[in-house]
Amino acid sequence: MSRIEWRQDRVAGVPLNRHVGFVGSVEVGSVAYDGSNRFWIWSTPLQEDVWGYGPTEQAARTALELWLASWLENFRPFFQAGSEPPPA
């Protein structure tokens, strides 16, 4: 089960082939269908120039979630309670 809550994007009440993912109130990424290339593109506002694609919507969502988990691992020492900062 994903930790990301997906919401379908809409314009003027019309649903789009784009879904935006949130963790709490923070937007962590989106997946959108590229009809000309026939695949789903994922991207994230958390880091510039990070994106990927998958043959299905679910594949793109999974790829985004795997990238996000890997990227967040870099911040583990910061969020661990009582941990000492790494030596310089």
PDB file of N, CA and C in Angstrom:
ATOM      1  N   MET A   1       0.834  -1.179   0.000  1.00  0.00           N
ATOM      2  CA  MET A   1       0.000   0.000   0.000  1.00  0.00           C
ATOM      3  C   MET A   1       0.881   1.246   0.000  1.00  0.00           C
ATOM      4  N   SER A   2       0.571   2.171  -0.862  1.00  0.00           N
ATOM      5  CA  SER A   2       1.347   3.388  -1.015  1.00  0.00           C
ATOM      6  C   SER A   2       1.105   4.351   0.145  1.00  0.00           C
ATOM      7  N   ARG A   3       2.115   5.071   0.500  1.00  0.00           N
ATOM      8  CA  ARG A   3       1.989   6.129   1.510  1.00  0.00           C
ATOM      9  C   ARG A   3       1.566   7.440   0.867  1.00  0.00           C
ATOM     10  N   ILE A   4       1.510   7.432  -0.444  1.00  0.00           N
ATOM     11  CA  ILE A   4       1.136   8.633  -1.196  1.00  0.00           C
ATOM     12  C   ILE A   4      -0.353   8.596  -1.503  1.00  0.00           C
ATOM     13  N   GLU A   5      -1.022   9.712  -1.233  1.00  0.00           N
ATOM     14  CA  GLU A   5      -2.446   9.846  -1.579  1.00  0.00           C
ATOM     15  C   GLU A   5      -2.523  10.496  -2.950  1.00  0.00           C
ATOM     16  N   TRP A   6      -3.132   9.810  -3.893  1.00  0.00           N
ATOM     17  CA  TRP A   6      -3.227  10.309  -5.259  1.00  0.00           C
ATOM     18  C   TRP A   6      -4.583  10.971  -5.501  1.00  0.00           C
ATOM     19  N   ARG A   7      -4.532  12.148  -6.135  1.00  0.00           N
ATOM     20  CA  ARG A   7      -5.754  12.873  -6.490  1.00  0.00           C
ATOM     21  C   ARG A   7      -5.715  13.186  -7.986  1.00  0.00           C
ATOM     22  N   GLN A   8      -6.813  12.885  -8.665  1.00  0.00           N
ATOM     23  CA  GLN A   8      -6.878  13.168 -10.094  1.00  0.00           C
ATOM     24  C   GLN A   8      -7.010  14.666 -10.305  1.00  0.00           C
ATOM     25  N   ASP A   9      -6.176  15.189 -11.182  1.00  0.00           N
ATOM     26  CA  ASP A   9      -6.202  16.609 -11.499  1.00  0.00           C
ATOM     27  C   ASP A   9      -7.398  16.905 -12.389  1.00  0.00           C
ATOM     28  N   ARG A  10      -7.942  18.107 -12.265  1.00  0.00           N
ATOM     29  CA  ARG A  10      -9.104  18.523 -13.050  1.00  0.00           C
ATOM     30  C   ARG A  10      -8.920  19.973 -13.497  1.00  0.00           C
ATOM     31  N   VAL A  11      -9.518  20.272 -14.643  1.00  0.00           N
ATOM     32  CA  VAL A  11      -9.577  21.646 -15.138  1.00  0.00           C
ATOM     33  C   VAL A  11     -11.031  21.919 -15.487  1.00  0.00           C
ATOM     34  N   ALA A  12     -11.604  22.934 -14.883  1.00  0.00           N
ATOM     35  CA  ALA A  12     -13.007  23.306 -15.093  1.00  0.00           C
ATOM     36  C   ALA A  12     -13.932  22.107 -14.869  1.00  0.00           C
ATOM     37  N   GLY A  13     -13.576  21.289 -13.887  1.00  0.00           N
ATOM     38  CA  GLY A  13     -14.399  20.140 -13.543  1.00  0.00           C
ATOM     39  C   GLY A  13     -14.200  18.917 -14.427  1.00  0.00           C
ATOM     40  N   VAL A  14     -13.321  19.036 -15.420  1.00  0.00           N
ATOM     41  CA  VAL A  14     -13.064  17.918 -16.340  1.00  0.00           C
ATOM     42  C   VAL A  14     -11.843  17.150 -15.848  1.00  0.00           C
ATOM     43  N   PRO A  15     -11.974  15.832 -15.600  1.00  0.00           N
ATOM     44  CA  PRO A  15     -10.829  15.055 -15.130  1.00  0.00           C
ATOM     45  C   PRO A  15      -9.762  14.912 -16.216  1.00  0.00           C
ATOM     46  N   LEU A  16      -8.506  15.031 -15.808  1.00  0.00           N
ATOM     47  CA  LEU A  16      -7.374  14.913 -16.722  1.00  0.00           C
ATOM     48  C   LEU A  16      -6.662  13.576 -16.518  1.00  0.00           C
ATOM     49  N   ASN A  17      -5.823  13.201 -17.462  1.00  0.00           N
ATOM     50  CA  ASN A  17      -4.969  12.027 -17.308  1.00  0.00           C
ATOM     51  C   ASN A  17      -3.701  12.446 -16.565  1.00  0.00           C
ATOM     52  N   ARG A  18      -3.899  13.074 -15.425  1.00  0.00           N
ATOM     53  CA  ARG A  18      -2.810  13.536 -14.562  1.00  0.00           C
ATOM     54  C   ARG A  18      -3.264  13.349 -13.131  1.00  0.00           C
ATOM     55  N   HIS A  19      -2.389  12.789 -12.325  1.00  0.00           N
ATOM     56  CA  HIS A  19      -2.681  12.556 -10.917  1.00  0.00           C
ATOM     57  C   HIS A  19      -1.563  13.175 -10.090  1.00  0.00           C
ATOM     58  N   VAL A  20      -1.934  13.861  -9.027  1.00  0.00           N
ATOM     59  CA  VAL A  20      -0.975  14.534  -8.159  1.00  0.00           C
ATOM     60  C   VAL A  20      -0.923  13.767  -6.852  1.00  0.00           C
ATOM     61  N   GLY A  21       0.309  13.491  -6.380  1.00  0.00           N
ATOM     62  CA  GLY A  21       0.499  12.729  -5.159  1.00  0.00           C
ATOM     63  C   GLY A  21       0.872  13.613  -3.989  1.00  0.00           C
ATOM     64  N   PHE A  22       0.244  13.324  -2.843  1.00  0.00           N
ATOM     65  CA  PHE A  22       0.488  14.089  -1.619  1.00  0.00           C
ATOM     66  C   PHE A  22       0.839  13.146  -0.480  1.00  0.00           C
ATOM     67  N   VAL A  23       1.709  13.619   0.391  1.00  0.00           N
ATOM     68  CA  VAL A  23       1.936  12.984   1.686  1.00  0.00           C
ATOM     69  C   VAL A  23       1.541  14.061   2.688  1.00  0.00           C
ATOM     70  N   GLY A  24       0.410  13.857   3.326  1.00  0.00           N
ATOM     71  CA  GLY A  24      -0.157  14.918   4.152  1.00  0.00           C
ATOM     72  C   GLY A  24      -0.558  16.058   3.229  1.00  0.00           C
ATOM     73  N   SER A  25      -0.094  17.262   3.538  1.00  0.00           N
ATOM     74  CA  SER A  25      -0.421  18.414   2.700  1.00  0.00           C
ATOM     75  C   SER A  25       0.693  18.751   1.708  1.00  0.00           C
ATOM     76  N   VAL A  26       1.753  17.951   1.679  1.00  0.00           N
ATOM     77  CA  VAL A  26       2.906  18.225   0.822  1.00  0.00           C
ATOM     78  C   VAL A  26       2.771  17.484  -0.509  1.00  0.00           C
ATOM     79  N   GLU A  27       2.842  18.239  -1.603  1.00  0.00           N
ATOM     80  CA  GLU A  27       2.836  17.616  -2.926  1.00  0.00           C
ATOM     81  C   GLU A  27       4.209  17.005  -3.172  1.00  0.00           C
ATOM     82  N   VAL A  28       4.246  15.694  -3.425  1.00  0.00           N
ATOM     83  CA  VAL A  28       5.520  15.003  -3.611  1.00  0.00           C
ATOM     84  C   VAL A  28       5.763  14.596  -5.059  1.00  0.00           C
ATOM     85  N   GLY A  29       4.744  14.636  -5.893  1.00  0.00           N
ATOM     86  CA  GLY A  29       4.960  14.276  -7.283  1.00  0.00           C
ATOM     87  C   GLY A  29       3.676  14.204  -8.065  1.00  0.00           C
ATOM     88  N   SER A  30       3.843  13.894  -9.353  1.00  0.00           N
ATOM     89  CA  SER A  30       2.684  13.724 -10.220  1.00  0.00           C
ATOM     90  C   SER A  30       3.021  12.718 -11.309  1.00  0.00           C
ATOM     91  N   VAL A  31       1.980  12.113 -11.846  1.00  0.00           N
ATOM     92  CA  VAL A  31       2.113  11.255 -13.020  1.00  0.00           C
ATOM     93  C   VAL A  31       1.104  11.752 -14.049  1.00  0.00           C
ATOM     94  N   ALA A  32       1.530  11.803 -15.298  1.00  0.00           N
ATOM     95  CA  ALA A  32       0.665  12.301 -16.363  1.00  0.00           C
ATOM     96  C   ALA A  32       0.885  11.469 -17.619  1.00  0.00           C
ATOM     97  N   TYR A  33      -0.189  11.262 -18.358  1.00  0.00           N
ATOM     98  CA  TYR A  33      -0.100  10.461 -19.576  1.00  0.00           C
ATOM     99  C   TYR A  33       0.405  11.307 -20.727  1.00  0.00           C
ATOM    100  N   ASP A  34       1.414  10.795 -21.438  1.00  0.00           N
ATOM    101  CA  ASP A  34       1.941  11.431 -22.639  1.00  0.00           C
ATOM    102  C   ASP A  34       1.388  10.657 -23.825  1.00  0.00           C
ATOM    103  N   GLY A  35       0.323  11.176 -24.417  1.00  0.00           N
ATOM    104  CA  GLY A  35      -0.361  10.476 -25.489  1.00  0.00           C
ATOM    105  C   GLY A  35       0.471  10.304 -26.746  1.00  0.00           C
ATOM    106  N   SER A  36       1.365  11.242 -27.044  1.00  0.00           N
ATOM    107  CA  SER A  36       2.165  11.126 -28.264  1.00  0.00           C
ATOM    108  C   SER A  36       3.200  10.005 -28.159  1.00  0.00           C
ATOM    109  N   ASN A  37       3.691   9.756 -26.954  1.00  0.00           N
ATOM    110  CA  ASN A  37       4.674   8.687 -26.754  1.00  0.00           C
ATOM    111  C   ASN A  37       4.075   7.440 -26.100  1.00  0.00           C
ATOM    112  N   ARG A  38       2.830   7.561 -25.652  1.00  0.00           N
ATOM    113  CA  ARG A  38       2.087   6.450 -25.057  1.00  0.00           C
ATOM    114  C   ARG A  38       2.746   5.864 -23.817  1.00  0.00           C
ATOM    115  N   PHE A  39       3.183   6.746 -22.929  1.00  0.00           N
ATOM    116  CA  PHE A  39       3.631   6.295 -21.616  1.00  0.00           C
ATOM    117  C   PHE A  39       3.303   7.348 -20.572  1.00  0.00           C
ATOM    118  N   TRP A  40       3.460   6.949 -19.329  1.00  0.00           N
ATOM    119  CA  TRP A  40       3.165   7.821 -18.188  1.00  0.00           C
ATOM    120  C   TRP A  40       4.464   8.415 -17.665  1.00  0.00           C
ATOM    121  N   ILE A  41       4.489   9.725 -17.507  1.00  0.00           N
ATOM    122  CA  ILE A  41       5.674  10.428 -17.012  1.00  0.00           C
ATOM    123  C   ILE A  41       5.451  10.799 -15.552  1.00  0.00           C
ATOM    124  N   TRP A  42       6.460  10.548 -14.714  1.00  0.00           N
ATOM    125  CA  TRP A  42       6.383  10.990 -13.325  1.00  0.00           C
ATOM    126  C   TRP A  42       7.409  12.100 -13.122  1.00  0.00           C
ATOM    127  N   SER A  43       7.100  13.010 -12.216  1.00  0.00           N
ATOM    128  CA  SER A  43       8.013  14.088 -11.854  1.00  0.00           C
ATOM    129  C   SER A  43       7.726  14.496 -10.423  1.00  0.00           C
ATOM    130  N   THR A  44       8.637  15.266  -9.872  1.00  0.00           N
ATOM    131  CA  THR A  44       8.485  15.714  -8.484  1.00  0.00           C
ATOM    132  C   THR A  44       8.900  17.170  -8.358  1.00  0.00           C
ATOM    133  N   PRO A  45       8.206  17.946  -7.545  1.00  0.00           N
ATOM    134  CA  PRO A  45       8.620  19.327  -7.311  1.00  0.00           C
ATOM    135  C   PRO A  45       9.716  19.416  -6.242  1.00  0.00           C
ATOM    136  N   LEU A  46      10.119  18.288  -5.668  1.00  0.00           N
ATOM    137  CA  LEU A  46      11.080  18.301  -4.567  1.00  0.00           C
ATOM    138  C   LEU A  46      12.523  18.447  -5.027  1.00  0.00           C
ATOM    139  N   GLN A  47      12.786  18.160  -6.290  1.00  0.00           N
ATOM    140  CA  GLN A  47      14.139  18.308  -6.818  1.00  0.00           C
ATOM    141  C   GLN A  47      14.042  18.619  -8.307  1.00  0.00           C
ATOM    142  N   GLU A  48      14.849  19.570  -8.753  1.00  0.00           N
ATOM    143  CA  GLU A  48      14.808  19.960 -10.160  1.00  0.00           C
ATOM    144  C   GLU A  48      15.274  18.825 -11.065  1.00  0.00           C
ATOM    145  N   ASP A  49      14.733  18.780 -12.238  1.00  0.00           N
ATOM    146  CA  ASP A  49      15.163  17.869 -13.298  1.00  0.00           C
ATOM    147  C   ASP A  49      15.130  16.395 -12.921  1.00  0.00           C
ATOM    148  N   VAL A  50      14.211  16.022 -12.059  1.00  0.00           N
ATOM    149  CA  VAL A  50      14.038  14.609 -11.729  1.00  0.00           C
ATOM    150  C   VAL A  50      12.708  14.165 -12.305  1.00  0.00           C
ATOM    151  N   TRP A  51      12.769  13.149 -13.159  1.00  0.00           N
ATOM    152  CA  TRP A  51      11.560  12.613 -13.763  1.00  0.00           C
ATOM    153  C   TRP A  51      11.886  11.227 -14.298  1.00  0.00           C
ATOM    154  N   GLY A  52      10.850  10.529 -14.680  1.00  0.00           N
ATOM    155  CA  GLY A  52      11.005   9.207 -15.272  1.00  0.00           C
ATOM    156  C   GLY A  52       9.709   8.828 -15.949  1.00  0.00           C
ATOM    157  N   TYR A  53       9.630   7.599 -16.397  1.00  0.00           N
ATOM    158  CA  TYR A  53       8.418   7.183 -17.082  1.00  0.00           C
ATOM    159  C   TYR A  53       8.163   5.705 -16.875  1.00  0.00           C
ATOM    160  N   GLY A  54       6.945   5.302 -17.167  1.00  0.00           N
ATOM    161  CA  GLY A  54       6.543   3.912 -17.073  1.00  0.00           C
ATOM    162  C   GLY A  54       5.506   3.609 -18.131  1.00  0.00           C
ATOM    163  N   PRO A  55       5.364   2.332 -18.481  1.00  0.00           N
ATOM    164  CA  PRO A  55       4.399   1.966 -19.512  1.00  0.00           C
ATOM    165  C   PRO A  55       2.943   2.070 -19.056  1.00  0.00           C
ATOM    166  N   THR A  56       2.738   2.087 -17.734  1.00  0.00           N
ATOM    167  CA  THR A  56       1.392   2.224 -17.186  1.00  0.00           C
ATOM    168  C   THR A  56       1.410   3.278 -16.087  1.00  0.00           C
ATOM    169  N   GLU A  57       0.229   3.714 -15.723  1.00  0.00           N
ATOM    170  CA  GLU A  57       0.110   4.683 -14.631  1.00  0.00           C
ATOM    171  C   GLU A  57       0.690   4.103 -13.340  1.00  0.00           C
ATOM    172  N   GLN A  58       0.368   2.859 -13.036  1.00  0.00           N
ATOM    173  CA  GLN A  58       0.858   2.233 -11.802  1.00  0.00           C
ATOM    174  C   GLN A  58       2.376   2.094 -11.812  1.00  0.00           C
ATOM    175  N   ALA A  59       2.958   1.779 -12.963  1.00  0.00           N
ATOM    176  CA  ALA A  59       4.419   1.666 -13.060  1.00  0.00           C
ATOM    177  C   ALA A  59       5.077   3.011 -12.785  1.00  0.00           C
ATOM    178  N   ALA A  60       4.498   4.080 -13.309  1.00  0.00           N
ATOM    179  CA  ALA A  60       5.055   5.420 -13.071  1.00  0.00           C
ATOM    180  C   ALA A  60       4.912   5.810 -11.602  1.00  0.00           C
ATOM    181  N   ARG A  61       3.780   5.492 -10.995  1.00  0.00           N
ATOM    182  CA  ARG A  61       3.590   5.779  -9.569  1.00  0.00           C
ATOM    183  C   ARG A  61       4.610   5.023  -8.723  1.00  0.00           C
ATOM    184  N   THR A  62       4.823   3.753  -9.049  1.00  0.00           N
ATOM    185  CA  THR A  62       5.785   2.936  -8.301  1.00  0.00           C
ATOM    186  C   THR A  62       7.192   3.482  -8.460  1.00  0.00           C
ATOM    187  N   ALA A  63       7.568   3.871  -9.677  1.00  0.00           N
ATOM    188  CA  ALA A  63       8.895   4.439  -9.914  1.00  0.00           C
ATOM    189  C   ALA A  63       9.095   5.718  -9.103  1.00  0.00           C
ATOM    190  N   LEU A  64       8.076   6.572  -9.064  1.00  0.00           N
ATOM    191  CA  LEU A  64       8.165   7.798  -8.265  1.00  0.00           C
ATOM    192  C   LEU A  64       8.346   7.462  -6.792  1.00  0.00           C
ATOM    193  N   GLU A  65       7.575   6.515  -6.298  1.00  0.00           N
ATOM    194  CA  GLU A  65       7.664   6.160  -4.887  1.00  0.00           C
ATOM    195  C   GLU A  65       9.037   5.573  -4.545  1.00  0.00           C
ATOM    196  N   LEU A  66       9.591   4.753  -5.428  1.00  0.00           N
ATOM    197  CA  LEU A  66      10.930   4.200  -5.190  1.00  0.00           C
ATOM    198  C   LEU A  66      11.982   5.296  -5.192  1.00  0.00           C
ATOM    199  N   TRP A  67      11.889   6.231  -6.138  1.00  0.00           N
ATOM    200  CA  TRP A  67      12.835   7.336  -6.160  1.00  0.00           C
ATOM    201  C   TRP A  67      12.705   8.164  -4.880  1.00  0.00           C
ATOM    202  N   LEU A  68      11.480   8.460  -4.473  1.00  0.00           N
ATOM    203  CA  LEU A  68      11.241   9.286  -3.293  1.00  0.00           C
ATOM    204  C   LEU A  68      11.819   8.631  -2.034  1.00  0.00           C
ATOM    205  N   ALA A  69      11.595   7.338  -1.867  1.00  0.00           N
ATOM    206  CA  ALA A  69      12.132   6.631  -0.700  1.00  0.00           C
ATOM    207  C   ALA A  69      13.656   6.687  -0.693  1.00  0.00           C
ATOM    208  N   SER A  70      14.266   6.499  -1.849  1.00  0.00           N
ATOM    209  CA  SER A  70      15.725   6.550  -1.954  1.00  0.00           C
ATOM    210  C   SER A  70      16.247   7.951  -1.647  1.00  0.00           C
ATOM    211  N   TRP A  71      15.591   8.970  -2.182  1.00  0.00           N
ATOM    212  CA  TRP A  71      16.010  10.350  -1.964  1.00  0.00           C
ATOM    213  C   TRP A  71      15.866  10.752  -0.501  1.00  0.00           C
ATOM    214  N   LEU A  72      14.750  10.341   0.115  1.00  0.00           N
ATOM    215  CA  LEU A  72      14.512  10.691   1.517  1.00  0.00           C
ATOM    216  C   LEU A  72      15.501  10.004   2.456  1.00  0.00           C
ATOM    217  N   GLU A  73      16.043   8.870   2.046  1.00  0.00           N
ATOM    218  CA  GLU A  73      17.035   8.159   2.866  1.00  0.00           C
ATOM    219  C   GLU A  73      18.228   9.061   3.184  1.00  0.00           C
ATOM    220  N   ASN A  74      18.544   9.983   2.296  1.00  0.00           N
ATOM    221  CA  ASN A  74      19.642  10.918   2.525  1.00  0.00           C
ATOM    222  C   ASN A  74      19.401  11.811   3.742  1.00  0.00           C
ATOM    223  N   PHE A  75      18.146  11.974   4.135  1.00  0.00           N
ATOM    224  CA  PHE A  75      17.798  12.863   5.234  1.00  0.00           C
ATOM    225  C   PHE A  75      17.582  12.129   6.561  1.00  0.00           C
ATOM    226  N   ARG A  76      17.756  10.809   6.570  1.00  0.00           N
ATOM    227  CA  ARG A  76      17.516  10.011   7.775  1.00  0.00           C
ATOM    228  C   ARG A  76      18.276  10.553   8.995  1.00  0.00           C
ATOM    229  N   PRO A  77      19.582  10.852   8.905  1.00  0.00           N
ATOM    230  CA  PRO A  77      20.292  11.348  10.094  1.00  0.00           C
ATOM    231  C   PRO A  77      19.676  12.624  10.669  1.00  0.00           C
ATOM    232  N   PHE A  78      19.157  13.466   9.813  1.00  0.00           N
ATOM    233  CA  PHE A  78      18.555  14.715  10.274  1.00  0.00           C
ATOM    234  C   PHE A  78      17.303  14.462  11.102  1.00  0.00           C
ATOM    235  N   PHE A  79      16.497  13.471  10.678  1.00  0.00           N
ATOM    236  CA  PHE A  79      15.223  13.230  11.328  1.00  0.00           C
ATOM    237  C   PHE A  79      15.290  12.261  12.512  1.00  0.00           C
ATOM    238  N   GLN A  80      16.384  11.556  12.667  1.00  0.00           N
ATOM    239  CA  GLN A  80      16.487  10.636  13.791  1.00  0.00           C
ATOM    240  C   GLN A  80      16.681  11.405  15.081  1.00  0.00           C
ATOM    241  N   ALA A  81      15.827  11.125  16.042  1.00  0.00           N
ATOM    242  CA  ALA A  81      15.874  11.827  17.326  1.00  0.00           C
ATOM    243  C   ALA A  81      17.152  11.457  18.075  1.00  0.00           C
ATOM    244  N   GLY A  82      17.807  12.445  18.626  1.00  0.00           N
ATOM    245  CA  GLY A  82      18.976  12.198  19.461  1.00  0.00           C
ATOM    246  C   GLY A  82      20.233  11.814  18.713  1.00  0.00           C
ATOM    247  N   SER A  83      20.212  11.876  17.396  1.00  0.00           N
ATOM    248  CA  SER A  83      21.424  11.491  16.653  1.00  0.00           C
ATOM    249  C   SER A  83      22.371  12.665  16.596  1.00  0.00           C
ATOM    250  N   GLU A  84      23.627  12.343  16.548  1.00  0.00           N
ATOM    251  CA  GLU A  84      24.663  13.352  16.420  1.00  0.00           C
ATOM    252  C   GLU A  84      24.829  13.705  14.944  1.00  0.00           C
ATOM    253  N   PRO A  85      25.160  14.949  14.646  1.00  0.00           N
ATOM    254  CA  PRO A  85      25.404  15.297  13.243  1.00  0.00           C
ATOM    255  C   PRO A  85      26.626  14.537  12.731  1.00  0.00           C
ATOM    256  N   PRO A  86      26.676  14.206  11.441  1.00  0.00           N
ATOM    257  CA  PRO A  86      27.824  13.490  10.911  1.00  0.00           C
ATOM    258  C   PRO A  86      29.085  14.335  11.012  1.00  0.00           C
ATOM    259  N   PRO A  87      30.243  13.704  11.193  1.00  0.00           N
ATOM    260  CA  PRO A  87      31.487  14.476  11.286  1.00  0.00           C
ATOM    261  C   PRO A  87      31.774  15.203   9.967  1.00  0.00           C
ATOM    262  N   ALA A  88      32.351  16.367  10.086  1.00  0.00           N
ATOM    263  CA  ALA A  88      32.638  17.182   8.892  1.00  0.00           C
ATOM    264  C   ALA A  88      33.864  16.706   8.175  1.00  0.00           C
TER     265      ALA A  88
END
